[in-house]
Amino acid sequence: MTSSMTRPASSSSHQQAAPRLTILALLLALLIALAWPGSAQAAIGGLPTNVGHSDGSPEWQKLRTHLFAGRPIQASPSQVQIIVPLRAAYGASVPVKVVSKLPQTPALYVKKLWLLVDKNPSPLAAVLDLTPAVGQADFETRLRVDEYSHVRVIVELSNGELHMDSRYVKVSGGCSAPPNREQLALIGRTAMKLPEGLHLNSPTPVDLSVIHPNDTGFELNAVTVMYIPPHFVRSIKVSYDGQKVFDAELDFSISENPSLRFNFVPQQAGATLRADVEDSKEGRYVGTLAVQ
């Protein structure tokens, strides 16, 4: 007599279904995350909706406390504006323009200017101490930007008010970009010119350039594969006819071969415009221009 036995159902179908359910669950979770209102989405122009040009950052909060303590800062372009491209072509040379809405007069003028890159290893790129002899506190230079970051300008007026403007920049690699080593014999050569000619008793633009590697300490030597020690322009002091126009304290966040466009008010033809430059290895250089 034979007996029949019922075999247990195979579990292979369950084993095949489990991964499918897992994949479906993951896809569903991803769709929910993308559709959720709080998730970051690309905005017009490529700037994420959760990052605004006027936003703060943890780095900025620390810098603000360190530099300005509890002083109020008016964050609007009413007195000063900073112009920076949203996407720069090269992180080691990002063009920056500062536009002052206030003429420099003895009654009220821009007394001090700070230029910052929030996320750079050295965020304080420049501090300028200005006089009314600038005429108009507009400045242009080039910055290193190491990663996506806000770039800020803060100005202090002679009445003590602080004003700020900022822009978010999407570029990276500026502090570790390979340096140019073709002009080592010319390090320190300082030149100035008047790109728009001489305007007596009116703000006159000046282009100042210094040949210098402005090494950050984060660049690799391609031959030794060792980090190149930092070596950068530390200060530039500009005077006209023996009188101070402005003093600038700089750091390696300023690009290689530093350049500045600034204004001064020439009172007479024939006087001398002078720039005294010092670098982080105590190299000292001088550039002069006979104002004609």
Protein backbone atom coordinates (compact mmCIF):
# COMPACT_ATOMS: atom_id res chain seq x y z
CA MET A 1 0.00 0.00 0.00
CA THR A 2 1.41 3.27 -1.02
CA SER A 3 0.80 6.46 0.82
CA SER A 4 0.85 9.89 -0.74
CA MET A 5 2.78 12.73 0.89
CA THR A 6 2.25 16.40 0.28
CA ARG A 7 5.50 18.26 -0.47
CA PRO A 8 5.97 21.75 0.99
CA ALA A 9 5.67 24.57 -1.56
CA SER A 10 8.98 25.85 -2.95
CA SER A 11 10.26 29.12 -1.39
CA SER A 12 12.03 30.20 -4.58
CA SER A 13 9.13 32.40 -5.69
CA HIS A 14 9.26 34.29 -2.38
CA GLN A 15 13.03 34.77 -2.70
CA GLN A 16 12.56 36.27 -6.17
CA ALA A 17 9.77 38.60 -5.05
CA ALA A 18 11.67 40.06 -2.09
CA PRO A 19 14.31 41.95 -4.12
CA ARG A 20 11.59 43.30 -6.42
CA LEU A 21 9.67 44.69 -3.45
CA THR A 22 12.85 46.26 -2.08
CA ILE A 23 13.60 47.97 -5.40
CA LEU A 24 10.02 49.24 -5.68
CA ALA A 25 10.16 50.60 -2.14
CA LEU A 26 13.42 52.44 -2.87
CA LEU A 27 12.02 53.94 -6.07
CA LEU A 28 8.90 55.08 -4.22
CA ALA A 29 11.00 56.70 -1.48
CA LEU A 30 13.11 58.49 -4.10
CA LEU A 31 10.03 59.84 -5.87
CA ILE A 32 8.60 61.11 -2.58
CA ALA A 33 11.90 62.81 -1.70
CA LEU A 34 12.09 64.55 -5.07
CA ALA A 35 8.52 65.75 -4.85
CA TRP A 36 8.76 66.94 -1.24
CA PRO A 37 8.58 70.78 -1.04
CA GLY A 38 11.61 71.08 1.24
CA SER A 39 14.02 69.27 -1.07
CA ALA A 40 16.66 71.30 -2.97
CA GLN A 41 15.81 71.92 -6.60
CA ALA A 42 17.67 73.76 -9.31
CA ALA A 43 16.47 77.29 -9.85
CA ILE A 44 16.68 79.50 -12.93
CA GLY A 45 20.33 80.24 -13.64
CA GLY A 46 21.56 77.10 -11.89
CA LEU A 47 21.59 78.49 -8.33
CA PRO A 48 19.99 76.03 -5.85
CA THR A 49 16.82 77.39 -4.25
CA ASN A 50 18.28 76.80 -0.79
CA VAL A 51 21.28 79.11 -1.40
CA GLY A 52 20.68 82.82 -1.89
CA HIS A 53 23.20 85.51 -2.75
CA SER A 54 22.45 87.30 0.53
CA ASP A 55 22.39 84.18 2.72
CA GLY A 56 24.71 83.61 5.63
CA SER A 57 26.97 80.64 6.30
CA PRO A 58 28.57 79.09 9.41
CA GLU A 59 31.93 80.46 8.27
CA TRP A 60 30.51 83.96 7.88
CA GLN A 61 28.96 83.87 11.35
CA LYS A 62 32.37 83.09 12.86
CA LEU A 63 34.06 85.79 10.80
CA ARG A 64 31.40 88.33 11.68
CA THR A 65 31.86 87.71 15.40
CA HIS A 66 35.64 87.85 15.11
CA LEU A 67 35.82 91.00 12.95
CA PHE A 68 32.80 93.03 14.01
CA ALA A 69 31.61 91.58 17.35
CA GLY A 70 28.01 92.67 17.87
CA ARG A 71 28.05 95.72 15.59
CA PRO A 72 25.01 95.99 13.29
CA ILE A 73 25.67 95.49 9.56
CA GLN A 74 23.21 96.72 6.96
CA ALA A 75 23.07 93.95 4.36
CA SER A 76 21.88 95.71 1.22
CA PRO A 77 23.51 97.19 -1.90
CA SER A 78 22.36 100.70 -0.97
CA GLN A 79 25.89 101.92 -0.17
CA VAL A 80 28.12 99.24 -1.70
CA GLN A 81 27.73 96.55 -4.35
CA ILE A 82 29.89 93.54 -5.23
CA ILE A 83 29.87 92.16 -8.77
CA VAL A 84 31.09 88.56 -9.25
CA PRO A 85 30.13 85.99 -11.90
CA LEU A 86 27.86 83.19 -10.68
CA ARG A 87 29.97 80.68 -12.60
CA ALA A 88 33.59 81.73 -13.08
CA ALA A 89 35.75 80.18 -15.78
CA TYR A 90 38.74 79.53 -13.49
CA GLY A 91 38.73 79.24 -9.69
CA ALA A 92 42.22 80.71 -9.36
CA SER A 93 41.29 83.95 -11.12
CA VAL A 94 37.75 85.09 -10.35
CA PRO A 95 37.12 88.74 -11.31
CA VAL A 96 35.58 90.87 -8.56
CA LYS A 97 34.37 94.45 -8.72
CA VAL A 98 33.35 96.57 -5.73
CA VAL A 99 31.19 99.60 -6.51
CA SER A 100 30.67 102.30 -3.90
CA LYS A 101 27.47 104.32 -4.05
CA LEU A 102 29.07 107.05 -1.96
CA PRO A 103 31.56 109.68 -3.20
CA GLN A 104 34.61 110.11 -0.97
CA THR A 105 34.29 113.49 0.76
CA PRO A 106 35.80 114.65 4.06
CA ALA A 107 32.25 114.84 5.50
CA LEU A 108 31.41 111.17 4.75
CA TYR A 109 33.49 108.52 3.03
CA VAL A 110 34.31 104.81 2.97
CA LYS A 111 36.91 104.47 5.69
CA LYS A 112 37.61 100.72 5.56
CA LEU A 113 36.78 97.82 3.26
CA TRP A 114 36.90 94.06 3.90
CA LEU A 115 36.79 91.47 1.09
CA LEU A 116 35.96 87.90 2.17
CA VAL A 117 35.52 84.45 0.61
CA ASP A 118 33.55 82.46 3.20
CA LYS A 119 34.87 78.96 2.46
CA ASN A 120 38.47 79.68 1.51
CA PRO A 121 41.25 78.31 3.77
CA SER A 122 42.09 81.96 4.40
CA PRO A 123 38.72 83.71 4.03
CA LEU A 124 39.92 87.27 4.67
CA ALA A 125 41.30 88.16 1.24
CA ALA A 126 41.88 91.89 1.74
CA VAL A 127 41.44 94.75 4.20
CA LEU A 128 41.75 98.26 2.77
CA ASP A 129 42.24 101.38 4.86
CA LEU A 130 41.02 104.29 2.72
CA THR A 131 41.22 108.08 2.68
CA PRO A 132 39.13 110.72 0.87
CA ALA A 133 42.03 110.94 -1.62
CA VAL A 134 40.60 107.82 -3.30
CA GLY A 135 37.80 110.03 -4.63
CA GLN A 136 35.53 107.05 -5.34
CA ALA A 137 35.92 103.78 -3.41
CA ASP A 138 35.50 101.45 -6.41
CA PHE A 139 37.93 98.54 -6.61
CA GLU A 140 38.57 95.64 -8.95
CA THR A 141 40.78 92.62 -8.42
CA ARG A 142 40.94 88.85 -8.99
CA LEU A 143 40.35 86.25 -6.28
CA ARG A 144 41.06 82.59 -5.65
CA VAL A 145 37.85 80.71 -4.75
CA ASP A 146 38.50 77.21 -3.42
CA GLU A 147 34.92 75.87 -3.39
CA TYR A 148 31.34 77.04 -3.91
CA SER A 149 31.12 80.03 -1.60
CA HIS A 150 29.74 83.46 -0.86
CA VAL A 151 32.05 86.36 -1.64
CA ARG A 152 31.38 89.41 0.53
CA VAL A 153 32.34 93.05 0.79
CA ILE A 154 31.84 94.98 4.01
CA VAL A 155 32.55 98.69 4.22
CA GLU A 156 32.80 100.97 7.23
CA LEU A 157 31.82 104.58 6.68
CA SER A 158 33.52 107.44 8.48
CA ASN A 159 30.40 107.80 10.66
CA GLY A 160 30.82 104.22 11.92
CA GLU A 161 28.08 102.54 9.85
CA LEU A 162 28.76 99.09 8.40
CA HIS A 163 27.28 98.02 5.06
CA MET A 164 27.58 94.68 3.25
CA ASP A 165 26.81 93.06 -0.08
CA SER A 166 27.46 89.44 -1.11
CA ARG A 167 27.26 87.09 -4.08
CA TYR A 168 27.32 83.29 -4.31
CA VAL A 169 30.00 81.91 -6.66
CA LYS A 170 29.99 78.41 -8.17
CA VAL A 171 33.62 77.54 -8.87
CA SER A 172 36.31 75.52 -7.09
CA GLY A 173 40.00 74.61 -6.97
CA GLY A 174 41.33 78.14 -6.76
CA CYS A 175 43.76 77.64 -3.87
CA SER A 176 45.40 74.48 -5.26
CA ALA A 177 45.61 75.42 -8.95
CA PRO A 178 49.09 74.91 -10.47
CA PRO A 179 51.07 78.17 -10.36
CA ASN A 180 52.81 79.90 -13.25
CA ARG A 181 56.60 79.67 -12.93
CA GLU A 182 57.67 81.52 -16.06
CA GLN A 183 58.52 84.90 -14.48
CA LEU A 184 60.45 84.09 -11.30
CA ALA A 185 63.23 86.51 -12.20
CA LEU A 186 60.67 89.31 -12.34
CA ILE A 187 59.07 88.73 -8.92
CA GLY A 188 58.13 92.03 -7.33
CA ARG A 189 58.03 94.13 -10.50
CA THR A 190 55.28 96.65 -9.82
CA ALA A 191 53.69 98.73 -12.57
CA MET A 192 50.91 101.32 -12.72
CA LYS A 193 49.12 103.04 -15.58
CA LEU A 194 46.17 105.38 -16.12
CA PRO A 195 43.84 103.45 -18.47
CA GLU A 196 41.51 106.41 -18.98
CA GLY A 197 44.08 109.20 -18.89
CA LEU A 198 44.50 111.99 -16.36
CA HIS A 199 41.48 113.80 -14.87
CA LEU A 200 42.67 116.63 -12.63
CA ASN A 201 40.63 117.12 -9.45
CA SER A 202 38.41 114.14 -10.33
CA PRO A 203 38.54 110.40 -9.55
CA THR A 204 41.04 108.90 -11.98
CA PRO A 205 41.30 105.10 -12.43
CA VAL A 206 44.66 103.38 -11.95
CA ASP A 207 45.64 99.84 -12.94
CA LEU A 208 48.26 98.40 -10.59
CA SER A 209 49.90 95.02 -11.14
CA VAL A 210 52.58 93.07 -9.26
CA ILE A 211 54.38 90.08 -10.74
CA HIS A 212 54.27 87.51 -7.94
CA PRO A 213 53.32 83.81 -7.67
CA ASN A 214 51.16 84.40 -4.60
CA ASP A 215 51.67 80.79 -3.56
CA THR A 216 49.01 79.52 -1.17
CA GLY A 217 50.79 76.53 0.39
CA PHE A 218 48.18 74.19 -1.12
CA GLU A 219 49.80 73.82 -4.57
CA LEU A 220 51.89 70.78 -5.49
CA ASN A 221 55.26 71.03 -7.18
CA ALA A 222 54.89 68.85 -10.30
CA VAL A 223 58.54 67.68 -10.06
CA THR A 224 58.99 66.99 -6.33
CA VAL A 225 55.29 66.26 -5.63
CA MET A 226 55.73 68.34 -2.47
CA TYR A 227 53.60 71.29 -1.39
CA ILE A 228 55.02 74.65 -2.42
CA PRO A 229 55.52 76.85 0.68
CA PRO A 230 53.25 79.92 0.91
CA HIS A 231 54.72 83.09 -0.57
CA PHE A 232 52.36 85.94 -1.34
CA VAL A 233 51.96 89.70 -1.40
CA ARG A 234 51.14 90.81 2.14
CA SER A 235 50.59 94.54 1.71
CA ILE A 236 50.35 97.32 -0.85
CA LYS A 237 50.53 100.96 0.26
CA VAL A 238 49.65 103.61 -2.30
CA SER A 239 50.51 107.30 -1.93
CA TYR A 240 50.25 110.35 -4.17
CA ASP A 241 52.64 113.30 -3.85
CA GLY A 242 53.71 111.89 -0.47
CA GLN A 243 50.14 111.62 0.89
CA LYS A 244 48.42 108.33 1.69
CA VAL A 245 45.71 107.18 -0.74
CA PHE A 246 45.08 103.75 0.81
CA ASP A 247 46.81 100.83 2.54
CA ALA A 248 45.84 97.26 1.65
CA GLU A 249 46.56 94.19 3.77
CA LEU A 250 46.27 91.10 1.55
CA ASP A 251 46.39 87.31 1.75
CA PHE A 252 46.83 84.42 -0.69
CA SER A 253 43.12 84.53 -1.58
CA ILE A 254 44.23 87.24 -4.02
CA SER A 255 45.18 85.63 -7.35
CA GLU A 256 48.67 85.08 -8.71
CA ASN A 257 50.23 88.28 -10.11
CA PRO A 258 47.94 90.50 -7.98
CA SER A 259 46.18 93.34 -9.75
CA LEU A 260 44.12 96.23 -8.44
CA ARG A 261 42.08 98.87 -10.19
CA PHE A 262 41.41 101.84 -7.93
CA ASN A 263 40.84 105.59 -8.09
CA PHE A 264 42.73 108.61 -6.85
CA VAL A 265 42.23 112.36 -7.25
CA PRO A 266 45.24 114.04 -8.88
CA GLN A 267 45.65 117.68 -7.93
CA GLN A 268 48.41 118.55 -10.39
CA ALA A 269 50.33 117.03 -13.27
CA GLY A 270 53.91 115.98 -12.58
CA ALA A 271 53.40 114.59 -9.06
CA THR A 272 54.31 110.97 -8.33
CA LEU A 273 52.02 108.06 -7.59
CA ARG A 274 53.86 105.42 -5.55
CA ALA A 275 53.09 101.83 -4.52
CA ASP A 276 55.12 100.14 -1.76
CA VAL A 277 54.71 96.35 -1.86
CA GLU A 278 55.78 93.78 0.74
CA ASP A 279 55.42 90.00 0.60
CA SER A 280 55.25 87.24 3.21
CA LYS A 281 59.00 86.57 2.95
CA GLU A 282 59.82 90.22 3.68
CA GLY A 283 60.52 91.02 0.05
CA ARG A 284 60.02 94.74 -0.58
CA TYR A 285 59.29 96.31 -3.93
CA VAL A 286 58.38 99.77 -5.20
CA GLY A 287 56.50 100.99 -8.26
CA THR A 288 56.13 104.64 -9.27
CA LEU A 289 54.25 106.55 -11.92
CA ALA A 290 54.82 110.17 -12.91
CA VAL A 291 51.29 111.50 -13.30
CA GLN A 292 51.14 113.23 -16.69
